[in-house]
Structure formats: C-alpha cells, structure tokens
Amino acid sequence: MINFQKFGSGKQTLIFLHGWGGSWQSWAPIIERLKNEFTIYAIDLPGFGLSPLPKPYSLDDYISELSNFIKQNNIVKPVLIGH
C-alpha cells in the first residue's frame, strides 16, 4: 500500500513523485504554494518514506503501482510532477 497525503480540492489533479531516496515531504514547500488551486496527491513510492517495499521492485513494478494508485483513487488525467 502506498502512503500518500492529499491536499486541496481544485479541478486539476497533480501527483508529485519524489526523487530516489526521498519521500513526499520533499515537495512540501511547493505543495504549500499550490494546494489552494489544485487537488494534490503526494506519494511515497514503495520502499521510500512510509511505503513498504514488499519485494525488490523493477521500473515496471513502480509504473504498475502508480497506475493502480491512480485507478484506486479515481483520478482522471493527472499531471505527474517528478524529481
């Protein structure tokens, strides 16, 4: 299960993806500036922050997790912002 925080309630949805070794919190200053205009999901990818790593992950596994997260949260046409 992916740990995440949700902020705001704007029409456009942003998903923030942290860099290697980071967590969603690396985006906190930017989220603070944008949360009044957008719906924001800030996630911890598996194995980082508070998201467990159930097995060694490949790039395809991370893509699958992100795709499942988007579907499970009924997110339509998000803008992905990555580091």
PDB file of N, CA and C in Angstrom:
ATOM      1  N   MET A   1       0.837  -1.181   0.000  1.00  0.00           N
ATOM      2  CA  MET A   1       0.000   0.000   0.000  1.00  0.00           C
ATOM      3  C   MET A   1       0.881   1.243   0.000  1.00  0.00           C
ATOM      4  N   ILE A   2       0.536   2.185  -0.842  1.00  0.00           N
ATOM      5  CA  ILE A   2       1.308   3.415  -0.973  1.00  0.00           C
ATOM      6  C   ILE A   2       0.841   4.433   0.067  1.00  0.00           C
ATOM      7  N   ASN A   3       1.798   4.970   0.821  1.00  0.00           N
ATOM      8  CA  ASN A   3       1.500   6.068   1.724  1.00  0.00           C
ATOM      9  C   ASN A   3       1.367   7.341   0.889  1.00  0.00           C
ATOM     10  N   PHE A   4       0.346   8.140   1.189  1.00  0.00           N
ATOM     11  CA  PHE A   4       0.182   9.392   0.465  1.00  0.00           C
ATOM     12  C   PHE A   4      -0.522  10.418   1.333  1.00  0.00           C
ATOM     13  N   GLN A   5      -0.406  11.653   0.906  1.00  0.00           N
ATOM     14  CA  GLN A   5      -1.135  12.758   1.513  1.00  0.00           C
ATOM     15  C   GLN A   5      -1.900  13.447   0.393  1.00  0.00           C
ATOM     16  N   LYS A   6      -3.101  13.906   0.710  1.00  0.00           N
ATOM     17  CA  LYS A   6      -3.924  14.616  -0.264  1.00  0.00           C
ATOM     18  C   LYS A   6      -4.142  16.037   0.241  1.00  0.00           C
ATOM     19  N   PHE A   7      -4.014  16.991  -0.671  1.00  0.00           N
ATOM     20  CA  PHE A   7      -4.177  18.402  -0.343  1.00  0.00           C
ATOM     21  C   PHE A   7      -5.068  19.056  -1.381  1.00  0.00           C
ATOM     22  N   GLY A   8      -5.822  20.068  -0.979  1.00  0.00           N
ATOM     23  CA  GLY A   8      -6.583  20.882  -1.907  1.00  0.00           C
ATOM     24  C   GLY A   8      -7.790  20.185  -2.498  1.00  0.00           C
ATOM     25  N   SER A   9      -8.481  20.935  -3.359  1.00  0.00           N
ATOM     26  CA  SER A   9      -9.683  20.399  -3.998  1.00  0.00           C
ATOM     27  C   SER A   9      -9.956  21.049  -5.353  1.00  0.00           C
ATOM     28  N   GLY A  10      -8.909  21.488  -6.033  1.00  0.00           N
ATOM     29  CA  GLY A  10      -9.077  22.103  -7.347  1.00  0.00           C
ATOM     30  C   GLY A  10      -9.501  21.104  -8.404  1.00  0.00           C
ATOM     31  N   LYS A  11      -9.925  21.610  -9.552  1.00  0.00           N
ATOM     32  CA  LYS A  11     -10.385  20.741 -10.647  1.00  0.00           C
ATOM     33  C   LYS A  11      -9.252  19.915 -11.243  1.00  0.00           C
ATOM     34  N   GLN A  12      -8.074  20.507 -11.398  1.00  0.00           N
ATOM     35  CA  GLN A  12      -6.919  19.795 -11.962  1.00  0.00           C
ATOM     36  C   GLN A  12      -6.186  19.057 -10.846  1.00  0.00           C
ATOM     37  N   THR A  13      -5.810  17.810 -11.123  1.00  0.00           N
ATOM     38  CA  THR A  13      -5.095  16.991 -10.142  1.00  0.00           C
ATOM     39  C   THR A  13      -3.627  16.882 -10.489  1.00  0.00           C
ATOM     40  N   LEU A  14      -2.792  17.097  -9.489  1.00  0.00           N
ATOM     41  CA  LEU A  14      -1.348  16.936  -9.612  1.00  0.00           C
ATOM     42  C   LEU A  14      -0.918  15.758  -8.751  1.00  0.00           C
ATOM     43  N   ILE A  15       0.000  14.946  -9.266  1.00  0.00           N
ATOM     44  CA  ILE A  15       0.606  13.871  -8.479  1.00  0.00           C
ATOM     45  C   ILE A  15       2.098  14.149  -8.422  1.00  0.00           C
ATOM     46  N   PHE A  16       2.608  14.303  -7.206  1.00  0.00           N
ATOM     47  CA  PHE A  16       4.025  14.575  -7.003  1.00  0.00           C
ATOM     48  C   PHE A  16       4.771  13.275  -6.720  1.00  0.00           C
ATOM     49  N   LEU A  17       5.858  13.056  -7.472  1.00  0.00           N
ATOM     50  CA  LEU A  17       6.690  11.860  -7.344  1.00  0.00           C
ATOM     51  C   LEU A  17       8.081  12.292  -6.903  1.00  0.00           C
ATOM     52  N   HIS A  18       8.485  11.855  -5.736  1.00  0.00           N
ATOM     53  CA  HIS A  18       9.782  12.249  -5.184  1.00  0.00           C
ATOM     54  C   HIS A  18      10.938  11.578  -5.915  1.00  0.00           C
ATOM     55  N   GLY A  19      12.143  12.100  -5.690  1.00  0.00           N
ATOM     56  CA  GLY A  19      13.350  11.507  -6.253  1.00  0.00           C
ATOM     57  C   GLY A  19      13.793  10.298  -5.455  1.00  0.00           C
ATOM     58  N   TRP A  20      14.786   9.590  -6.002  1.00  0.00           N
ATOM     59  CA  TRP A  20      15.311   8.380  -5.374  1.00  0.00           C
ATOM     60  C   TRP A  20      15.831   8.711  -3.975  1.00  0.00           C
ATOM     61  N   GLY A  21      15.409   7.913  -3.006  1.00  0.00           N
ATOM     62  CA  GLY A  21      15.837   8.117  -1.627  1.00  0.00           C
ATOM     63  C   GLY A  21      15.030   9.170  -0.888  1.00  0.00           C
ATOM     64  N   GLY A  22      14.031   9.766  -1.541  1.00  0.00           N
ATOM     65  CA  GLY A  22      13.236  10.819  -0.925  1.00  0.00           C
ATOM     66  C   GLY A  22      11.907  10.322  -0.401  1.00  0.00           C
ATOM     67  N   SER A  23      11.010  11.260  -0.164  1.00  0.00           N
ATOM     68  CA  SER A  23       9.640  10.972   0.249  1.00  0.00           C
ATOM     69  C   SER A  23       8.765  12.122  -0.225  1.00  0.00           C
ATOM     70  N   TRP A  24       7.474  11.991  -0.026  1.00  0.00           N
ATOM     71  CA  TRP A  24       6.555  13.038  -0.466  1.00  0.00           C
ATOM     72  C   TRP A  24       6.906  14.378   0.178  1.00  0.00           C
ATOM     73  N   GLN A  25       7.511  14.339   1.357  1.00  0.00           N
ATOM     74  CA  GLN A  25       7.784  15.569   2.103  1.00  0.00           C
ATOM     75  C   GLN A  25       8.778  16.493   1.403  1.00  0.00           C
ATOM     76  N   SER A  26       9.545  15.957   0.456  1.00  0.00           N
ATOM     77  CA  SER A  26      10.473  16.819  -0.278  1.00  0.00           C
ATOM     78  C   SER A  26       9.722  17.865  -1.106  1.00  0.00           C
ATOM     79  N   TRP A  27       8.450  17.623  -1.361  1.00  0.00           N
ATOM     80  CA  TRP A  27       7.623  18.544  -2.140  1.00  0.00           C
ATOM     81  C   TRP A  27       6.843  19.529  -1.276  1.00  0.00           C
ATOM     82  N   ALA A  28       6.952  19.458   0.042  1.00  0.00           N
ATOM     83  CA  ALA A  28       6.118  20.252   0.953  1.00  0.00           C
ATOM     84  C   ALA A  28       6.093  21.753   0.628  1.00  0.00           C
ATOM     85  N   PRO A  29       7.230  22.410   0.369  1.00  0.00           N
ATOM     86  CA  PRO A  29       7.166  23.851   0.077  1.00  0.00           C
ATOM     87  C   PRO A  29       6.366  24.186  -1.188  1.00  0.00           C
ATOM     88  N   ILE A  30       6.477  23.341  -2.197  1.00  0.00           N
ATOM     89  CA  ILE A  30       5.744  23.574  -3.447  1.00  0.00           C
ATOM     90  C   ILE A  30       4.262  23.266  -3.262  1.00  0.00           C
ATOM     91  N   ILE A  31       3.971  22.197  -2.536  1.00  0.00           N
ATOM     92  CA  ILE A  31       2.578  21.842  -2.258  1.00  0.00           C
ATOM     93  C   ILE A  31       1.888  22.980  -1.514  1.00  0.00           C
ATOM     94  N   GLU A  32       2.577  23.553  -0.570  1.00  0.00           N
ATOM     95  CA  GLU A  32       2.010  24.659   0.217  1.00  0.00           C
ATOM     96  C   GLU A  32       1.569  25.807  -0.702  1.00  0.00           C
ATOM     97  N   ARG A  33       2.336  26.081  -1.731  1.00  0.00           N
ATOM     98  CA  ARG A  33       2.014  27.171  -2.666  1.00  0.00           C
ATOM     99  C   ARG A  33       0.880  26.823  -3.634  1.00  0.00           C
ATOM    100  N   LEU A  34       0.711  25.526  -3.933  1.00  0.00           N
ATOM    101  CA  LEU A  34      -0.251  25.121  -4.965  1.00  0.00           C
ATOM    102  C   LEU A  34      -1.558  24.540  -4.429  1.00  0.00           C
ATOM    103  N   LYS A  35      -1.623  24.211  -3.158  1.00  0.00           N
ATOM    104  CA  LYS A  35      -2.770  23.472  -2.626  1.00  0.00           C
ATOM    105  C   LYS A  35      -4.096  24.223  -2.698  1.00  0.00           C
ATOM    106  N   ASN A  36      -4.072  25.528  -2.852  1.00  0.00           N
ATOM    107  CA  ASN A  36      -5.323  26.278  -2.956  1.00  0.00           C
ATOM    108  C   ASN A  36      -5.876  26.317  -4.373  1.00  0.00           C
ATOM    109  N   GLU A  37      -5.085  25.859  -5.335  1.00  0.00           N
ATOM    110  CA  GLU A  37      -5.511  25.900  -6.737  1.00  0.00           C
ATOM    111  C   GLU A  37      -5.727  24.523  -7.359  1.00  0.00           C
ATOM    112  N   PHE A  38      -5.162  23.478  -6.758  1.00  0.00           N
ATOM    113  CA  PHE A  38      -5.183  22.133  -7.342  1.00  0.00           C
ATOM    114  C   PHE A  38      -5.548  21.089  -6.293  1.00  0.00           C
ATOM    115  N   THR A  39      -5.969  19.922  -6.772  1.00  0.00           N
ATOM    116  CA  THR A  39      -6.021  18.738  -5.922  1.00  0.00           C
ATOM    117  C   THR A  39      -4.664  18.078  -6.071  1.00  0.00           C
ATOM    118  N   ILE A  40      -4.021  17.819  -4.955  1.00  0.00           N
ATOM    119  CA  ILE A  40      -2.648  17.316  -4.981  1.00  0.00           C
ATOM    120  C   ILE A  40      -2.557  15.995  -4.216  1.00  0.00           C
ATOM    121  N   TYR A  41      -1.922  15.023  -4.860  1.00  0.00           N
ATOM    122  CA  TYR A  41      -1.556  13.771  -4.205  1.00  0.00           C
ATOM    123  C   TYR A  41      -0.035  13.735  -4.148  1.00  0.00           C
ATOM    124  N   ALA A  42       0.487  13.600  -2.947  1.00  0.00           N
ATOM    125  CA  ALA A  42       1.936  13.480  -2.754  1.00  0.00           C
ATOM    126  C   ALA A  42       2.179  12.088  -2.194  1.00  0.00           C
ATOM    127  N   ILE A  43       2.879  11.261  -2.956  1.00  0.00           N
ATOM    128  CA  ILE A  43       3.002   9.848  -2.578  1.00  0.00           C
ATOM    129  C   ILE A  43       4.435   9.502  -2.178  1.00  0.00           C
ATOM    130  N   ASP A  44       4.525   8.454  -1.362  1.00  0.00           N
ATOM    131  CA  ASP A  44       5.797   7.794  -1.082  1.00  0.00           C
ATOM    132  C   ASP A  44       5.824   6.536  -1.941  1.00  0.00           C
ATOM    133  N   LEU A  45       6.726   6.468  -2.877  1.00  0.00           N
ATOM    134  CA  LEU A  45       6.849   5.272  -3.699  1.00  0.00           C
ATOM    135  C   LEU A  45       7.251   4.079  -2.831  1.00  0.00           C
ATOM    136  N   PRO A  46       6.930   2.850  -3.254  1.00  0.00           N
ATOM    137  CA  PRO A  46       7.280   1.670  -2.457  1.00  0.00           C
ATOM    138  C   PRO A  46       8.773   1.634  -2.113  1.00  0.00           C
ATOM    139  N   GLY A  47       9.046   1.428  -0.827  1.00  0.00           N
ATOM    140  CA  GLY A  47      10.415   1.363  -0.346  1.00  0.00           C
ATOM    141  C   GLY A  47      10.967   2.692   0.121  1.00  0.00           C
ATOM    142  N   PHE A  48      10.144   3.745   0.080  1.00  0.00           N
ATOM    143  CA  PHE A  48      10.573   5.080   0.477  1.00  0.00           C
ATOM    144  C   PHE A  48       9.548   5.689   1.422  1.00  0.00           C
ATOM    145  N   GLY A  49      10.001   6.638   2.245  1.00  0.00           N
ATOM    146  CA  GLY A  49       9.078   7.263   3.186  1.00  0.00           C
ATOM    147  C   GLY A  49       8.395   6.213   4.032  1.00  0.00           C
ATOM    148  N   LEU A  50       7.071   6.252   4.068  1.00  0.00           N
ATOM    149  CA  LEU A  50       6.302   5.303   4.880  1.00  0.00           C
ATOM    150  C   LEU A  50       5.654   4.192   4.051  1.00  0.00           C
ATOM    151  N   SER A  51       6.056   4.044   2.798  1.00  0.00           N
ATOM    152  CA  SER A  51       5.520   2.966   1.956  1.00  0.00           C
ATOM    153  C   SER A  51       6.439   1.748   2.017  1.00  0.00           C
ATOM    154  N   PRO A  52       5.883   0.598   2.406  1.00  0.00           N
ATOM    155  CA  PRO A  52       6.717  -0.605   2.483  1.00  0.00           C
ATOM    156  C   PRO A  52       7.138  -1.100   1.098  1.00  0.00           C
ATOM    157  N   LEU A  53       8.205  -1.853   1.070  1.00  0.00           N
ATOM    158  CA  LEU A  53       8.678  -2.495  -0.159  1.00  0.00           C
ATOM    159  C   LEU A  53       8.481  -3.995   0.015  1.00  0.00           C
ATOM    160  N   PRO A  54       7.409  -4.550  -0.572  1.00  0.00           N
ATOM    161  CA  PRO A  54       7.100  -5.963  -0.347  1.00  0.00           C
ATOM    162  C   PRO A  54       8.071  -6.936  -1.016  1.00  0.00           C
ATOM    163  N   LYS A  55       8.797  -6.455  -2.020  1.00  0.00           N
ATOM    164  CA  LYS A  55       9.757  -7.280  -2.758  1.00  0.00           C
ATOM    165  C   LYS A  55      10.668  -6.329  -3.513  1.00  0.00           C
ATOM    166  N   PRO A  56      11.772  -6.793  -4.054  1.00  0.00           N
ATOM    167  CA  PRO A  56      12.573  -5.903  -4.904  1.00  0.00           C
ATOM    168  C   PRO A  56      11.740  -5.452  -6.108  1.00  0.00           C
ATOM    169  N   TYR A  57      11.772  -4.170  -6.413  1.00  0.00           N
ATOM    170  CA  TYR A  57      10.957  -3.602  -7.480  1.00  0.00           C
ATOM    171  C   TYR A  57      11.794  -3.260  -8.702  1.00  0.00           C
ATOM    172  N   SER A  58      11.192  -3.500  -9.862  1.00  0.00           N
ATOM    173  CA  SER A  58      11.755  -3.049 -11.135  1.00  0.00           C
ATOM    174  C   SER A  58      11.037  -1.750 -11.509  1.00  0.00           C
ATOM    175  N   LEU A  59      11.500  -1.102 -12.544  1.00  0.00           N
ATOM    176  CA  LEU A  59      10.823   0.096 -13.033  1.00  0.00           C
ATOM    177  C   LEU A  59       9.380  -0.220 -13.411  1.00  0.00           C
ATOM    178  N   ASP A  60       9.164  -1.368 -14.032  1.00  0.00           N
ATOM    179  CA  ASP A  60       7.801  -1.770 -14.396  1.00  0.00           C
ATOM    180  C   ASP A  60       6.915  -1.924 -13.168  1.00  0.00           C
ATOM    181  N   ASP A  61       7.471  -2.416 -12.059  1.00  0.00           N
ATOM    182  CA  ASP A  61       6.695  -2.546 -10.818  1.00  0.00           C
ATOM    183  C   ASP A  61       6.267  -1.173 -10.294  1.00  0.00           C
ATOM    184  N   TYR A  62       7.178  -0.203 -10.345  1.00  0.00           N
ATOM    185  CA  TYR A  62       6.830   1.148  -9.895  1.00  0.00           C
ATOM    186  C   TYR A  62       5.740   1.748 -10.786  1.00  0.00           C
ATOM    187  N   ILE A  63       5.838   1.536 -12.084  1.00  0.00           N
ATOM    188  CA  ILE A  63       4.826   2.030 -13.015  1.00  0.00           C
ATOM    189  C   ILE A  63       3.472   1.388 -12.711  1.00  0.00           C
ATOM    190  N   SER A  64       3.474   0.100 -12.460  1.00  0.00           N
ATOM    191  CA  SER A  64       2.247  -0.606 -12.135  1.00  0.00           C
ATOM    192  C   SER A  64       1.628  -0.078 -10.837  1.00  0.00           C
ATOM    193  N   GLU A  65       2.450   0.150  -9.824  1.00  0.00           N
ATOM    194  CA  GLU A  65       1.958   0.694  -8.550  1.00  0.00           C
ATOM    195  C   GLU A  65       1.320   2.065  -8.758  1.00  0.00           C
ATOM    196  N   LEU A  66       1.974   2.919  -9.528  1.00  0.00           N
ATOM    197  CA  LEU A  66       1.439   4.249  -9.782  1.00  0.00           C
ATOM    198  C   LEU A  66       0.125   4.159 -10.556  1.00  0.00           C
ATOM    199  N   SER A  67       0.072   3.306 -11.557  1.00  0.00           N
ATOM    200  CA  SER A  67      -1.156   3.111 -12.330  1.00  0.00           C
ATOM    201  C   SER A  67      -2.293   2.628 -11.429  1.00  0.00           C
ATOM    202  N   ASN A  68      -2.009   1.669 -10.577  1.00  0.00           N
ATOM    203  CA  ASN A  68      -3.029   1.164  -9.647  1.00  0.00           C
ATOM    204  C   ASN A  68      -3.486   2.253  -8.682  1.00  0.00           C
ATOM    205  N   PHE A  69      -2.559   3.067  -8.195  1.00  0.00           N
ATOM    206  CA  PHE A  69      -2.892   4.158  -7.299  1.00  0.00           C
ATOM    207  C   PHE A  69      -3.857   5.135  -7.973  1.00  0.00           C
ATOM    208  N   ILE A  70      -3.578   5.478  -9.208  1.00  0.00           N
ATOM    209  CA  ILE A  70      -4.435   6.395  -9.957  1.00  0.00           C
ATOM    210  C   ILE A  70      -5.832   5.807 -10.126  1.00  0.00           C
ATOM    211  N   LYS A  71      -5.916   4.539 -10.467  1.00  0.00           N
ATOM    212  CA  LYS A  71      -7.218   3.881 -10.643  1.00  0.00           C
ATOM    213  C   LYS A  71      -7.973   3.784  -9.319  1.00  0.00           C
ATOM    214  N   GLN A  72      -7.297   3.375  -8.254  1.00  0.00           N
ATOM    215  CA  GLN A  72      -7.944   3.192  -6.951  1.00  0.00           C
ATOM    216  C   GLN A  72      -8.492   4.496  -6.388  1.00  0.00           C
ATOM    217  N   ASN A  73      -7.874   5.610  -6.742  1.00  0.00           N
ATOM    218  CA  ASN A  73      -8.312   6.905  -6.235  1.00  0.00           C
ATOM    219  C   ASN A  73      -9.168   7.673  -7.238  1.00  0.00           C
ATOM    220  N   ASN A  74      -9.576   6.986  -8.313  1.00  0.00           N
ATOM    221  CA  ASN A  74     -10.457   7.572  -9.328  1.00  0.00           C
ATOM    222  C   ASN A  74      -9.934   8.913  -9.848  1.00  0.00           C
ATOM    223  N   ILE A  75      -8.640   8.949 -10.106  1.00  0.00           N
ATOM    224  CA  ILE A  75      -8.006  10.161 -10.610  1.00  0.00           C
ATOM    225  C   ILE A  75      -8.061  10.141 -12.137  1.00  0.00           C
ATOM    226  N   VAL A  76      -8.551  11.241 -12.713  1.00  0.00           N
ATOM    227  CA  VAL A  76      -8.697  11.330 -14.164  1.00  0.00           C
ATOM    228  C   VAL A  76      -7.723  12.381 -14.694  1.00  0.00           C
ATOM    229  N   LYS A  77      -6.905  11.990 -15.651  1.00  0.00           N
ATOM    230  CA  LYS A  77      -5.958  12.871 -16.329  1.00  0.00           C
ATOM    231  C   LYS A  77      -5.099  13.707 -15.376  1.00  0.00           C
ATOM    232  N   PRO A  78      -4.367  13.049 -14.498  1.00  0.00           N
ATOM    233  CA  PRO A  78      -3.499  13.819 -13.589  1.00  0.00           C
ATOM    234  C   PRO A  78      -2.279  14.372 -14.325  1.00  0.00           C
ATOM    235  N   VAL A  79      -1.713  15.399 -13.760  1.00  0.00           N
ATOM    236  CA  VAL A  79      -0.416  15.906 -14.200  1.00  0.00           C
ATOM    237  C   VAL A  79       0.609  15.296 -13.239  1.00  0.00           C
ATOM    238  N   LEU A  80       1.576  14.565 -13.787  1.00  0.00           N
ATOM    239  CA  LEU A  80       2.629  13.960 -12.977  1.00  0.00           C
ATOM    240  C   LEU A  80       3.805  14.927 -12.898  1.00  0.00           C
ATOM    241  N   ILE A  81       4.259  15.165 -11.679  1.00  0.00           N
ATOM    242  CA  ILE A  81       5.387  16.055 -11.458  1.00  0.00           C
ATOM    243  C   ILE A  81       6.429  15.258 -10.698  1.00  0.00           C
ATOM    244  N   GLY A  82       7.576  15.045 -11.328  1.00  0.00           N
ATOM    245  CA  GLY A  82       8.589  14.193 -10.719  1.00  0.00           C
ATOM    246  C   GLY A  82       9.916  14.875 -10.543  1.00  0.00           C
ATOM    247  N   HIS A  83      10.684  14.307  -9.643  1.00  0.00           N
ATOM    248  CA  HIS A  83      12.038  14.829  -9.352  1.00  0.00           C
ATOM    249  C   HIS A  83      13.043  13.781  -9.797  1.00  0.00           C
TER     250      HIS A  83
END
